[in-house]
């Protein structure tokens, strides 16, 4: 297998294809449908977000190439890759094309071998799609286009992108975000891949603003990935990560606002009490919001806590999702 793509060509096409202003925002209403209830009482399937295992992977204790095997052993039906966790693997080869040939073929074969579905690639550190710098935007679109090609080969339905931005102008952030998402979605549409945005810090954690951005794009393959826990709008010292949060967006309101455009859902977890409940997130309330939106796709388990073995946190999250689903009347 050889990946065939041209980032330069993709970038050129994307920048010349859409020069109009973003479309007026329109309310997107969920389509009501009859839900199937599984044997365990859930109305959804469960996938494993690879970030749950980032510490042992980055420490060299676990190979990212064994992700499908690990997910199957933990009882998951789908998997969500993280692009940055494959950097050490990519660096082993002389060229990017050779690296992808050597990495993607076995990843796809292992997903088939273990019977798990490839769903999403979480793409990080590949350029800022909400930047005010034209060079940075060009880099971001070219790099993300490459990961769209990867998603197409693996059979993933989406890549998850970030919208950080580099200033405090909300209107400019919304305009740039919508314009550049549309350019990227045009390329992704040719590959039958979705572009989905997670509430992931800064303006993107303002669910009302993010929902308007997606509505402005107005493309069927551009949507959201509501995360139960990423609703910090501002951290101490203006830091993006690794600093106390000083301003939050209401997480339940936020998930409700993002669900009409959701193509995936992320069940974030940090810590659990003696009854197995998440200490900061009411999972029953969250699942009621998800169900009321008519969503019955995959919910991804993303554990980010301090347990020495992250597999314990993964399984605790999985069990909590089942318990919360059964608590809904």
C-alpha atoms as a PDB file:
ATOM      1  CA  UNK A   1       0.000   0.000   0.000  1.00  0.00           C
ATOM      2  CA  UNK A   2       1.241   3.476  -0.860  1.00  0.00           C
ATOM      3  CA  UNK A   3      -0.543   6.616   0.237  1.00  0.00           C
ATOM      4  CA  UNK A   4      -1.189   8.920  -2.688  1.00  0.00           C
ATOM      5  CA  UNK A   5      -1.636  12.541  -1.742  1.00  0.00           C
ATOM      6  CA  UNK A   6      -0.309  15.977  -2.559  1.00  0.00           C
ATOM      7  CA  UNK A   7      -0.476  18.406   0.342  1.00  0.00           C
ATOM      8  CA  UNK A   8       0.550  21.340  -1.832  1.00  0.00           C
ATOM      9  CA  UNK A   9      -2.146  20.624  -4.401  1.00  0.00           C
ATOM     10  CA  UNK A  10      -4.742  20.077  -1.692  1.00  0.00           C
ATOM     11  CA  UNK A  11      -3.806  23.366  -0.065  1.00  0.00           C
ATOM     12  CA  UNK A  12      -4.012  25.259  -3.361  1.00  0.00           C
ATOM     13  CA  UNK A  13      -7.399  23.794  -4.231  1.00  0.00           C
ATOM     14  CA  UNK A  14      -8.784  24.480  -0.782  1.00  0.00           C
ATOM     15  CA  UNK A  15      -7.643  28.089  -0.715  1.00  0.00           C
ATOM     16  CA  UNK A  16      -9.114  28.924  -4.120  1.00  0.00           C
ATOM     17  CA  UNK A  17     -12.364  27.003  -3.784  1.00  0.00           C
ATOM     18  CA  UNK A  18     -14.261  29.109  -1.216  1.00  0.00           C
ATOM     19  CA  UNK A  19     -13.798  32.831  -0.896  1.00  0.00           C
ATOM     20  CA  UNK A  20     -17.285  33.778   0.237  1.00  0.00           C
ATOM     21  CA  UNK A  21     -18.150  34.845   3.766  1.00  0.00           C
ATOM     22  CA  UNK A  22     -19.496  32.207   6.167  1.00  0.00           C
ATOM     23  CA  UNK A  23     -23.173  31.403   5.746  1.00  0.00           C
ATOM     24  CA  UNK A  24     -25.747  32.701   8.251  1.00  0.00           C
ATOM     25  CA  UNK A  25     -26.068  30.409  11.268  1.00  0.00           C
ATOM     26  CA  UNK A  26     -29.113  28.152  11.246  1.00  0.00           C
ATOM     27  CA  UNK A  27     -30.466  26.066  14.081  1.00  0.00           C
ATOM     28  CA  UNK A  28     -29.857  22.358  13.559  1.00  0.00           C
ATOM     29  CA  UNK A  29     -32.536  20.193  15.138  1.00  0.00           C
ATOM     30  CA  UNK A  30     -31.927  16.532  16.008  1.00  0.00           C
ATOM     31  CA  UNK A  31     -33.840  13.960  14.016  1.00  0.00           C
ATOM     32  CA  UNK A  32     -36.028  11.894  16.321  1.00  0.00           C
ATOM     33  CA  UNK A  33     -35.767   8.142  15.847  1.00  0.00           C
ATOM     34  CA  UNK A  34     -36.495   4.909  17.611  1.00  0.00           C
ATOM     35  CA  UNK A  35     -33.486   3.671  19.568  1.00  0.00           C
ATOM     36  CA  UNK A  36     -32.318   0.102  19.954  1.00  0.00           C
ATOM     37  CA  UNK A  37     -31.460  -0.900  23.506  1.00  0.00           C
ATOM     38  CA  UNK A  38     -28.525  -3.293  23.789  1.00  0.00           C
ATOM     39  CA  UNK A  39     -28.353  -6.288  26.120  1.00  0.00           C
ATOM     40  CA  UNK A  40     -26.371  -4.280  28.685  1.00  0.00           C
ATOM     41  CA  UNK A  41     -29.014  -1.545  28.719  1.00  0.00           C
ATOM     42  CA  UNK A  42     -27.057   0.981  26.662  1.00  0.00           C
ATOM     43  CA  UNK A  43     -28.403   2.794  23.594  1.00  0.00           C
ATOM     44  CA  UNK A  44     -24.923   3.269  22.128  1.00  0.00           C
ATOM     45  CA  UNK A  45     -21.735   1.395  21.288  1.00  0.00           C
ATOM     46  CA  UNK A  46     -18.475   2.099  23.104  1.00  0.00           C
ATOM     47  CA  UNK A  47     -15.107   2.971  21.634  1.00  0.00           C
ATOM     48  CA  UNK A  48     -11.731   3.547  23.265  1.00  0.00           C
ATOM     49  CA  UNK A  49      -9.902   6.836  22.861  1.00  0.00           C
ATOM     50  CA  UNK A  50      -6.177   6.138  22.540  1.00  0.00           C
ATOM     51  CA  UNK A  51      -5.382   9.158  24.711  1.00  0.00           C
ATOM     52  CA  UNK A  52      -6.546   7.063  27.676  1.00  0.00           C
ATOM     53  CA  UNK A  53      -3.321   5.084  27.201  1.00  0.00           C
ATOM     54  CA  UNK A  54      -0.993   7.964  26.355  1.00  0.00           C
ATOM     55  CA  UNK A  55       1.149   7.681  29.487  1.00  0.00           C
ATOM     56  CA  UNK A  56       2.241   4.034  29.022  1.00  0.00           C
ATOM     57  CA  UNK A  57       2.618   4.618  25.268  1.00  0.00           C
ATOM     58  CA  UNK A  58       4.826   7.688  25.695  1.00  0.00           C
ATOM     59  CA  UNK A  59       6.799   5.895  28.407  1.00  0.00           C
ATOM     60  CA  UNK A  60       7.547   3.053  25.998  1.00  0.00           C
ATOM     61  CA  UNK A  61       5.625   0.550  28.119  1.00  0.00           C
ATOM     62  CA  UNK A  62       3.024  -0.055  25.428  1.00  0.00           C
ATOM     63  CA  UNK A  63       3.239   0.074  21.644  1.00  0.00           C
ATOM     64  CA  UNK A  64       0.708   2.228  19.788  1.00  0.00           C
ATOM     65  CA  UNK A  65       0.800  -0.493  17.144  1.00  0.00           C
ATOM     66  CA  UNK A  66      -1.047  -2.799  19.578  1.00  0.00           C
ATOM     67  CA  UNK A  67      -3.945  -0.415  20.118  1.00  0.00           C
ATOM     68  CA  UNK A  68      -6.553  -2.602  18.400  1.00  0.00           C
ATOM     69  CA  UNK A  69      -5.477  -5.645  20.424  1.00  0.00           C
ATOM     70  CA  UNK A  70      -5.654  -3.747  23.722  1.00  0.00           C
ATOM     71  CA  UNK A  71      -9.061  -2.266  22.911  1.00  0.00           C
ATOM     72  CA  UNK A  72     -10.441  -5.698  22.032  1.00  0.00           C
ATOM     73  CA  UNK A  73      -9.103  -7.182  25.272  1.00  0.00           C
ATOM     74  CA  UNK A  74     -10.912  -4.429  27.185  1.00  0.00           C
ATOM     75  CA  UNK A  75     -14.171  -5.181  25.377  1.00  0.00           C
ATOM     76  CA  UNK A  76     -14.444  -2.229  22.986  1.00  0.00           C
ATOM     77  CA  UNK A  77     -15.970  -2.325  19.515  1.00  0.00           C
ATOM     78  CA  UNK A  78     -14.313   0.788  18.074  1.00  0.00           C
ATOM     79  CA  UNK A  79     -11.076   2.763  18.398  1.00  0.00           C
ATOM     80  CA  UNK A  80     -10.074   6.418  18.168  1.00  0.00           C
ATOM     81  CA  UNK A  81      -6.436   7.066  17.255  1.00  0.00           C
ATOM     82  CA  UNK A  82      -4.258   9.999  18.393  1.00  0.00           C
ATOM     83  CA  UNK A  83      -1.889  11.296  15.713  1.00  0.00           C
ATOM     84  CA  UNK A  84       0.860  12.472  18.087  1.00  0.00           C
ATOM     85  CA  UNK A  85       1.251   9.041  19.694  1.00  0.00           C
ATOM     86  CA  UNK A  86       2.687   7.749  16.392  1.00  0.00           C
ATOM     87  CA  UNK A  87       5.479  10.306  16.125  1.00  0.00           C
ATOM     88  CA  UNK A  88       8.154   7.965  17.561  1.00  0.00           C
ATOM     89  CA  UNK A  89       7.084   5.316  15.041  1.00  0.00           C
ATOM     90  CA  UNK A  90       7.164   7.790  12.153  1.00  0.00           C
ATOM     91  CA  UNK A  91      10.677   8.956  13.079  1.00  0.00           C
ATOM     92  CA  UNK A  92      12.014   5.429  12.572  1.00  0.00           C
ATOM     93  CA  UNK A  93      11.789   5.837   8.788  1.00  0.00           C
ATOM     94  CA  UNK A  94      13.614   7.997   6.275  1.00  0.00           C
ATOM     95  CA  UNK A  95      10.530   9.442   4.606  1.00  0.00           C
ATOM     96  CA  UNK A  96       6.964  10.147   5.607  1.00  0.00           C
ATOM     97  CA  UNK A  97       5.668   7.971   2.775  1.00  0.00           C
ATOM     98  CA  UNK A  98       7.748   4.998   3.938  1.00  0.00           C
ATOM     99  CA  UNK A  99       6.642   5.574   7.526  1.00  0.00           C
ATOM    100  CA  UNK A 100       2.976   5.517   6.595  1.00  0.00           C
ATOM    101  CA  UNK A 101       3.460   2.437   4.432  1.00  0.00           C
ATOM    102  CA  UNK A 102       5.073   0.601   7.349  1.00  0.00           C
ATOM    103  CA  UNK A 103       2.638   1.882  10.004  1.00  0.00           C
ATOM    104  CA  UNK A 104      -0.787   2.050   8.380  1.00  0.00           C
ATOM    105  CA  UNK A 105      -0.832  -1.391   6.773  1.00  0.00           C
ATOM    106  CA  UNK A 106      -0.346  -3.264  10.072  1.00  0.00           C
ATOM    107  CA  UNK A 107      -2.727  -0.904  11.900  1.00  0.00           C
ATOM    108  CA  UNK A 108      -5.471  -1.682   9.418  1.00  0.00           C
ATOM    109  CA  UNK A 109      -4.719  -5.405   9.441  1.00  0.00           C
ATOM    110  CA  UNK A 110      -4.780  -5.523  13.249  1.00  0.00           C
ATOM    111  CA  UNK A 111      -8.095  -3.693  13.431  1.00  0.00           C
ATOM    112  CA  UNK A 112      -9.524  -6.311  11.079  1.00  0.00           C
ATOM    113  CA  UNK A 113      -7.844  -9.167  12.950  1.00  0.00           C
ATOM    114  CA  UNK A 114      -9.285  -8.098  16.307  1.00  0.00           C
ATOM    115  CA  UNK A 115     -12.648  -7.047  14.921  1.00  0.00           C
ATOM    116  CA  UNK A 116     -12.642  -3.422  16.040  1.00  0.00           C
ATOM    117  CA  UNK A 117     -13.858  -0.526  13.930  1.00  0.00           C
ATOM    118  CA  UNK A 118     -11.524   2.350  13.087  1.00  0.00           C
ATOM    119  CA  UNK A 119     -13.533   5.494  13.844  1.00  0.00           C
ATOM    120  CA  UNK A 120     -11.581   8.705  14.370  1.00  0.00           C
ATOM    121  CA  UNK A 121      -8.082  10.167  14.256  1.00  0.00           C
ATOM    122  CA  UNK A 122      -7.551  12.874  16.886  1.00  0.00           C
ATOM    123  CA  UNK A 123      -5.192  15.241  15.076  1.00  0.00           C
ATOM    124  CA  UNK A 124      -3.030  17.493  17.257  1.00  0.00           C
ATOM    125  CA  UNK A 125      -0.057  19.816  16.735  1.00  0.00           C
ATOM    126  CA  UNK A 126      -0.460  20.023  12.964  1.00  0.00           C
ATOM    127  CA  UNK A 127      -1.064  23.761  12.707  1.00  0.00           C
ATOM    128  CA  UNK A 128      -3.739  26.154  13.958  1.00  0.00           C
ATOM    129  CA  UNK A 129      -6.848  26.279  11.762  1.00  0.00           C
ATOM    130  CA  UNK A 130      -8.071  29.425  13.564  1.00  0.00           C
ATOM    131  CA  UNK A 131      -4.802  31.348  13.311  1.00  0.00           C
ATOM    132  CA  UNK A 132      -4.632  34.902  11.952  1.00  0.00           C
ATOM    133  CA  UNK A 133      -1.338  34.063  10.180  1.00  0.00           C
ATOM    134  CA  UNK A 134      -1.896  32.993   6.531  1.00  0.00           C
ATOM    135  CA  UNK A 135       1.291  30.891   6.550  1.00  0.00           C
ATOM    136  CA  UNK A 136       0.154  29.025   9.654  1.00  0.00           C
ATOM    137  CA  UNK A 137      -3.256  28.387   8.093  1.00  0.00           C
ATOM    138  CA  UNK A 138      -1.634  27.062   4.909  1.00  0.00           C
ATOM    139  CA  UNK A 139       0.536  24.718   6.992  1.00  0.00           C
ATOM    140  CA  UNK A 140      -2.457  23.589   9.033  1.00  0.00           C
ATOM    141  CA  UNK A 141      -4.632  22.804   6.019  1.00  0.00           C
ATOM    142  CA  UNK A 142      -1.841  20.943   4.227  1.00  0.00           C
ATOM    143  CA  UNK A 143      -0.973  18.880   7.309  1.00  0.00           C
ATOM    144  CA  UNK A 144      -4.583  18.084   8.158  1.00  0.00           C
ATOM    145  CA  UNK A 145      -5.194  17.091   4.531  1.00  0.00           C
ATOM    146  CA  UNK A 146      -2.514  14.438   4.972  1.00  0.00           C
ATOM    147  CA  UNK A 147      -4.368  13.017   7.991  1.00  0.00           C
ATOM    148  CA  UNK A 148      -7.590  12.998   5.983  1.00  0.00           C
ATOM    149  CA  UNK A 149      -5.786  10.672   3.549  1.00  0.00           C
ATOM    150  CA  UNK A 150      -4.738   8.488   6.490  1.00  0.00           C
ATOM    151  CA  UNK A 151      -8.318   8.374   7.779  1.00  0.00           C
ATOM    152  CA  UNK A 152      -9.583   7.366   4.361  1.00  0.00           C
ATOM    153  CA  UNK A 153      -7.120   4.459   4.195  1.00  0.00           C
ATOM    154  CA  UNK A 154      -7.892   3.211   7.707  1.00  0.00           C
ATOM    155  CA  UNK A 155     -11.635   3.537   7.153  1.00  0.00           C
ATOM    156  CA  UNK A 156     -12.162   6.168   9.855  1.00  0.00           C
ATOM    157  CA  UNK A 157     -15.284   8.271   9.467  1.00  0.00           C
ATOM    158  CA  UNK A 158     -13.692  11.451  10.867  1.00  0.00           C
ATOM    159  CA  UNK A 159     -10.638  13.376  11.903  1.00  0.00           C
ATOM    160  CA  UNK A 160     -10.950  15.542  15.010  1.00  0.00           C
ATOM    161  CA  UNK A 161      -9.393  18.980  14.663  1.00  0.00           C
ATOM    162  CA  UNK A 162      -8.784  21.863  17.073  1.00  0.00           C
ATOM    163  CA  UNK A 163      -9.717  25.544  16.805  1.00  0.00           C
ATOM    164  CA  UNK A 164      -7.446  27.442  19.172  1.00  0.00           C
ATOM    165  CA  UNK A 165      -6.676  30.783  17.530  1.00  0.00           C
ATOM    166  CA  UNK A 166      -4.029  33.276  18.591  1.00  0.00           C
ATOM    167  CA  UNK A 167      -5.946  36.384  19.671  1.00  0.00           C
ATOM    168  CA  UNK A 168      -8.933  37.446  21.796  1.00  0.00           C
ATOM    169  CA  UNK A 169     -11.257  38.615  19.035  1.00  0.00           C
ATOM    170  CA  UNK A 170     -14.314  36.339  19.144  1.00  0.00           C
ATOM    171  CA  UNK A 171     -15.757  37.521  15.823  1.00  0.00           C
ATOM    172  CA  UNK A 172     -12.459  36.999  14.017  1.00  0.00           C
ATOM    173  CA  UNK A 173     -12.056  33.562  15.598  1.00  0.00           C
ATOM    174  CA  UNK A 174     -15.516  32.533  14.412  1.00  0.00           C
ATOM    175  CA  UNK A 175     -14.929  33.909  10.905  1.00  0.00           C
ATOM    176  CA  UNK A 176     -11.513  32.292  10.451  1.00  0.00           C
ATOM    177  CA  UNK A 177     -12.663  29.008  11.977  1.00  0.00           C
ATOM    178  CA  UNK A 178     -15.678  28.687   9.684  1.00  0.00           C
ATOM    179  CA  UNK A 179     -13.757  29.718   6.581  1.00  0.00           C
ATOM    180  CA  UNK A 180     -10.892  27.294   7.133  1.00  0.00           C
ATOM    181  CA  UNK A 181     -13.082  24.405   8.265  1.00  0.00           C
ATOM    182  CA  UNK A 182     -15.034  24.782   5.030  1.00  0.00           C
ATOM    183  CA  UNK A 183     -11.855  24.615   2.975  1.00  0.00           C
ATOM    184  CA  UNK A 184     -10.730  21.504   4.811  1.00  0.00           C
ATOM    185  CA  UNK A 185     -14.176  19.889   4.634  1.00  0.00           C
ATOM    186  CA  UNK A 186     -14.223  20.355   0.864  1.00  0.00           C
ATOM    187  CA  UNK A 187     -11.137  18.177   0.558  1.00  0.00           C
ATOM    188  CA  UNK A 188     -12.391  15.685   3.146  1.00  0.00           C
ATOM    189  CA  UNK A 189     -15.703  15.296   1.323  1.00  0.00           C
ATOM    190  CA  UNK A 190     -13.869  13.819  -1.658  1.00  0.00           C
ATOM    191  CA  UNK A 191     -12.473  11.173   0.691  1.00  0.00           C
ATOM    192  CA  UNK A 192     -15.777  10.452   2.476  1.00  0.00           C
ATOM    193  CA  UNK A 193     -14.280  11.756   5.729  1.00  0.00           C
ATOM    194  CA  UNK A 194     -15.852  14.121   8.272  1.00  0.00           C
ATOM    195  CA  UNK A 195     -14.166  17.069   9.948  1.00  0.00           C
ATOM    196  CA  UNK A 196     -15.272  17.250  13.578  1.00  0.00           C
ATOM    197  CA  UNK A 197     -14.377  19.824  16.209  1.00  0.00           C
ATOM    198  CA  UNK A 198     -14.102  19.088  19.913  1.00  0.00           C
ATOM    199  CA  UNK A 199     -14.664  21.578  22.704  1.00  0.00           C
ATOM    200  CA  UNK A 200     -10.987  21.631  23.585  1.00  0.00           C
ATOM    201  CA  UNK A 201     -10.090  24.852  25.342  1.00  0.00           C
ATOM    202  CA  UNK A 202     -10.313  28.594  24.680  1.00  0.00           C
ATOM    203  CA  UNK A 203     -13.085  29.789  22.387  1.00  0.00           C
ATOM    204  CA  UNK A 204     -13.761  26.229  21.219  1.00  0.00           C
ATOM    205  CA  UNK A 205     -15.037  25.442  24.722  1.00  0.00           C
ATOM    206  CA  UNK A 206     -17.712  28.097  24.300  1.00  0.00           C
ATOM    207  CA  UNK A 207     -20.302  25.682  22.914  1.00  0.00           C
ATOM    208  CA  UNK A 208     -22.634  28.400  21.648  1.00  0.00           C
ATOM    209  CA  UNK A 209     -19.852  29.928  19.547  1.00  0.00           C
ATOM    210  CA  UNK A 210     -18.621  26.558  18.274  1.00  0.00           C
ATOM    211  CA  UNK A 211     -22.143  25.484  17.263  1.00  0.00           C
ATOM    212  CA  UNK A 212     -22.513  28.724  15.289  1.00  0.00           C
ATOM    213  CA  UNK A 213     -19.195  28.111  13.545  1.00  0.00           C
ATOM    214  CA  UNK A 214     -20.309  24.646  12.416  1.00  0.00           C
ATOM    215  CA  UNK A 215     -23.628  26.076  11.238  1.00  0.00           C
ATOM    216  CA  UNK A 216     -21.742  28.757   9.298  1.00  0.00           C
ATOM    217  CA  UNK A 217     -19.745  26.059   7.510  1.00  0.00           C
ATOM    218  CA  UNK A 218     -23.017  24.405   6.535  1.00  0.00           C
ATOM    219  CA  UNK A 219     -21.514  21.186   5.175  1.00  0.00           C
ATOM    220  CA  UNK A 220     -22.834  17.717   5.933  1.00  0.00           C
ATOM    221  CA  UNK A 221     -19.339  16.381   6.660  1.00  0.00           C
ATOM    222  CA  UNK A 222     -18.461  19.048   9.242  1.00  0.00           C
ATOM    223  CA  UNK A 223     -19.719  18.607  12.801  1.00  0.00           C
ATOM    224  CA  UNK A 224     -18.857  18.435  16.468  1.00  0.00           C
ATOM    225  CA  UNK A 225     -17.366  16.007  18.975  1.00  0.00           C
ATOM    226  CA  UNK A 226     -18.894  16.964  22.346  1.00  0.00           C
ATOM    227  CA  UNK A 227     -16.562  16.079  25.225  1.00  0.00           C
ATOM    228  CA  UNK A 228     -18.052  15.777  28.718  1.00  0.00           C
ATOM    229  CA  UNK A 229     -15.128  17.502  30.394  1.00  0.00           C
ATOM    230  CA  UNK A 230     -13.308  20.028  28.189  1.00  0.00           C
ATOM    231  CA  UNK A 231     -15.176  23.213  29.027  1.00  0.00           C
ATOM    232  CA  UNK A 232     -12.433  25.400  30.484  1.00  0.00           C
ATOM    233  CA  UNK A 233     -12.561  28.812  28.800  1.00  0.00           C
ATOM    234  CA  UNK A 234      -9.588  30.356  30.579  1.00  0.00           C
ATOM    235  CA  UNK A 235      -6.647  29.151  32.672  1.00  0.00           C
ATOM    236  CA  UNK A 236      -4.311  30.950  35.051  1.00  0.00           C
ATOM    237  CA  UNK A 237      -1.646  32.958  33.303  1.00  0.00           C
ATOM    238  CA  UNK A 238      -3.358  32.527  29.945  1.00  0.00           C
ATOM    239  CA  UNK A 239      -1.957  29.002  29.631  1.00  0.00           C
ATOM    240  CA  UNK A 240      -3.645  26.579  27.244  1.00  0.00           C
ATOM    241  CA  UNK A 241      -2.987  23.481  29.385  1.00  0.00           C
ATOM    242  CA  UNK A 242      -1.492  22.427  32.732  1.00  0.00           C
ATOM    243  CA  UNK A 243      -2.763  25.368  34.770  1.00  0.00           C
ATOM    244  CA  UNK A 244      -5.818  25.761  37.040  1.00  0.00           C
ATOM    245  CA  UNK A 245      -9.017  26.717  35.261  1.00  0.00           C
ATOM    246  CA  UNK A 246     -10.372  30.139  36.258  1.00  0.00           C
ATOM    247  CA  UNK A 247     -13.403  30.310  33.954  1.00  0.00           C
ATOM    248  CA  UNK A 248     -15.683  27.435  32.933  1.00  0.00           C
ATOM    249  CA  UNK A 249     -18.551  27.018  30.497  1.00  0.00           C
ATOM    250  CA  UNK A 250     -21.510  25.048  31.879  1.00  0.00           C
ATOM    251  CA  UNK A 251     -20.695  21.501  30.751  1.00  0.00           C
ATOM    252  CA  UNK A 252     -24.285  20.250  30.577  1.00  0.00           C
ATOM    253  CA  UNK A 253     -25.480  23.274  28.639  1.00  0.00           C
ATOM    254  CA  UNK A 254     -22.436  22.923  26.397  1.00  0.00           C
ATOM    255  CA  UNK A 255     -22.998  19.276  25.528  1.00  0.00           C
ATOM    256  CA  UNK A 256     -26.680  20.007  24.826  1.00  0.00           C
ATOM    257  CA  UNK A 257     -25.700  22.810  22.449  1.00  0.00           C
ATOM    258  CA  UNK A 258     -23.175  20.659  20.585  1.00  0.00           C
ATOM    259  CA  UNK A 259     -25.224  17.452  20.311  1.00  0.00           C
ATOM    260  CA  UNK A 260     -27.398  18.459  17.320  1.00  0.00           C
ATOM    261  CA  UNK A 261     -24.249  18.577  15.148  1.00  0.00           C
ATOM    262  CA  UNK A 262     -22.424  15.664  16.826  1.00  0.00           C
ATOM    263  CA  UNK A 263     -20.848  12.885  14.806  1.00  0.00           C
ATOM    264  CA  UNK A 264     -19.155  11.379  17.889  1.00  0.00           C
ATOM    265  CA  UNK A 265     -19.227  11.811  21.671  1.00  0.00           C
ATOM    266  CA  UNK A 266     -16.365  11.655  24.191  1.00  0.00           C
ATOM    267  CA  UNK A 267     -16.990  10.452  27.753  1.00  0.00           C
ATOM    268  CA  UNK A 268     -14.171  12.149  29.665  1.00  0.00           C
ATOM    269  CA  UNK A 269     -13.347  10.911  33.163  1.00  0.00           C
ATOM    270  CA  UNK A 270     -10.830  11.925  35.805  1.00  0.00           C
ATOM    271  CA  UNK A 271     -11.623  10.295  39.165  1.00  0.00           C
ATOM    272  CA  UNK A 272     -14.288   8.135  40.809  1.00  0.00           C
ATOM    273  CA  UNK A 273     -15.927   8.025  44.227  1.00  0.00           C
ATOM    274  CA  UNK A 274     -16.615   4.925  46.319  1.00  0.00           C
ATOM    275  CA  UNK A 275     -19.811   4.279  44.337  1.00  0.00           C
ATOM    276  CA  UNK A 276     -18.035   4.345  40.981  1.00  0.00           C
ATOM    277  CA  UNK A 277     -19.399   7.750  39.983  1.00  0.00           C
ATOM    278  CA  UNK A 278     -17.228  10.374  38.298  1.00  0.00           C
ATOM    279  CA  UNK A 279     -16.448  13.032  40.883  1.00  0.00           C
ATOM    280  CA  UNK A 280     -16.925  16.061  38.601  1.00  0.00           C
ATOM    281  CA  UNK A 281     -19.392  14.890  35.935  1.00  0.00           C
ATOM    282  CA  UNK A 282     -22.940  13.578  36.366  1.00  0.00           C
ATOM    283  CA  UNK A 283     -22.901  10.778  33.790  1.00  0.00           C
ATOM    284  CA  UNK A 284     -26.629  10.080  34.059  1.00  0.00           C
ATOM    285  CA  UNK A 285     -27.416  13.708  33.298  1.00  0.00           C
ATOM    286  CA  UNK A 286     -24.956  13.701  30.406  1.00  0.00           C
ATOM    287  CA  UNK A 287     -26.409  10.540  28.878  1.00  0.00           C
ATOM    288  CA  UNK A 288     -29.927  11.945  29.183  1.00  0.00           C
ATOM    289  CA  UNK A 289     -28.758  14.915  27.093  1.00  0.00           C
ATOM    290  CA  UNK A 290     -27.109  12.611  24.554  1.00  0.00           C
ATOM    291  CA  UNK A 291     -30.173  10.361  24.298  1.00  0.00           C
ATOM    292  CA  UNK A 292     -32.603  13.285  24.051  1.00  0.00           C
ATOM    293  CA  UNK A 293     -30.608  14.476  21.035  1.00  0.00           C
ATOM    294  CA  UNK A 294     -31.393  11.168  19.299  1.00  0.00           C
ATOM    295  CA  UNK A 295     -27.748  10.068  19.266  1.00  0.00           C
ATOM    296  CA  UNK A 296     -27.123   6.311  19.260  1.00  0.00           C
ATOM    297  CA  UNK A 297     -23.633   6.110  17.744  1.00  0.00           C
ATOM    298  CA  UNK A 298     -20.334   5.414  19.482  1.00  0.00           C
ATOM    299  CA  UNK A 299     -19.388   7.032  22.771  1.00  0.00           C
ATOM    300  CA  UNK A 300     -15.642   7.112  23.293  1.00  0.00           C
ATOM    301  CA  UNK A 301     -14.101   6.381  26.691  1.00  0.00           C
ATOM    302  CA  UNK A 302     -11.338   8.881  27.461  1.00  0.00           C
ATOM    303  CA  UNK A 303      -9.814   8.427  30.895  1.00  0.00           C
ATOM    304  CA  UNK A 304      -7.419  11.197  32.051  1.00  0.00           C
ATOM    305  CA  UNK A 305      -6.989  10.406  35.729  1.00  0.00           C
ATOM    306  CA  UNK A 306      -4.075   9.553  38.011  1.00  0.00           C
ATOM    307  CA  UNK A 307      -4.515   5.812  38.513  1.00  0.00           C
ATOM    308  CA  UNK A 308      -1.213   3.971  38.082  1.00  0.00           C
ATOM    309  CA  UNK A 309      -2.809   1.600  35.607  1.00  0.00           C
ATOM    310  CA  UNK A 310      -4.998   3.576  33.169  1.00  0.00           C
ATOM    311  CA  UNK A 311      -6.804   0.377  32.237  1.00  0.00           C
ATOM    312  CA  UNK A 312      -8.498   0.524  35.640  1.00  0.00           C
ATOM    313  CA  UNK A 313      -9.799   4.008  34.861  1.00  0.00           C
ATOM    314  CA  UNK A 314     -10.883   2.905  31.397  1.00  0.00           C
ATOM    315  CA  UNK A 315     -12.906   0.018  32.790  1.00  0.00           C
ATOM    316  CA  UNK A 316     -14.379   2.199  35.558  1.00  0.00           C
ATOM    317  CA  UNK A 317     -15.555   4.660  32.905  1.00  0.00           C
ATOM    318  CA  UNK A 318     -17.013   1.882  30.794  1.00  0.00           C
ATOM    319  CA  UNK A 319     -18.893   0.447  33.767  1.00  0.00           C
ATOM    320  CA  UNK A 320     -20.159   3.912  34.718  1.00  0.00           C
ATOM    321  CA  UNK A 321     -21.535   4.455  31.210  1.00  0.00           C
ATOM    322  CA  UNK A 322     -23.485   1.200  31.476  1.00  0.00           C
ATOM    323  CA  UNK A 323     -24.783   2.079  34.956  1.00  0.00           C
ATOM    324  CA  UNK A 324     -25.802   5.602  33.886  1.00  0.00           C
ATOM    325  CA  UNK A 325     -27.536   4.336  30.749  1.00  0.00           C
ATOM    326  CA  UNK A 326     -29.586   1.931  32.843  1.00  0.00           C
ATOM    327  CA  UNK A 327     -30.534   4.726  35.254  1.00  0.00           C
ATOM    328  CA  UNK A 328     -32.256   6.712  32.511  1.00  0.00           C
ATOM    329  CA  UNK A 329     -36.019   6.224  32.483  1.00  0.00           C
END
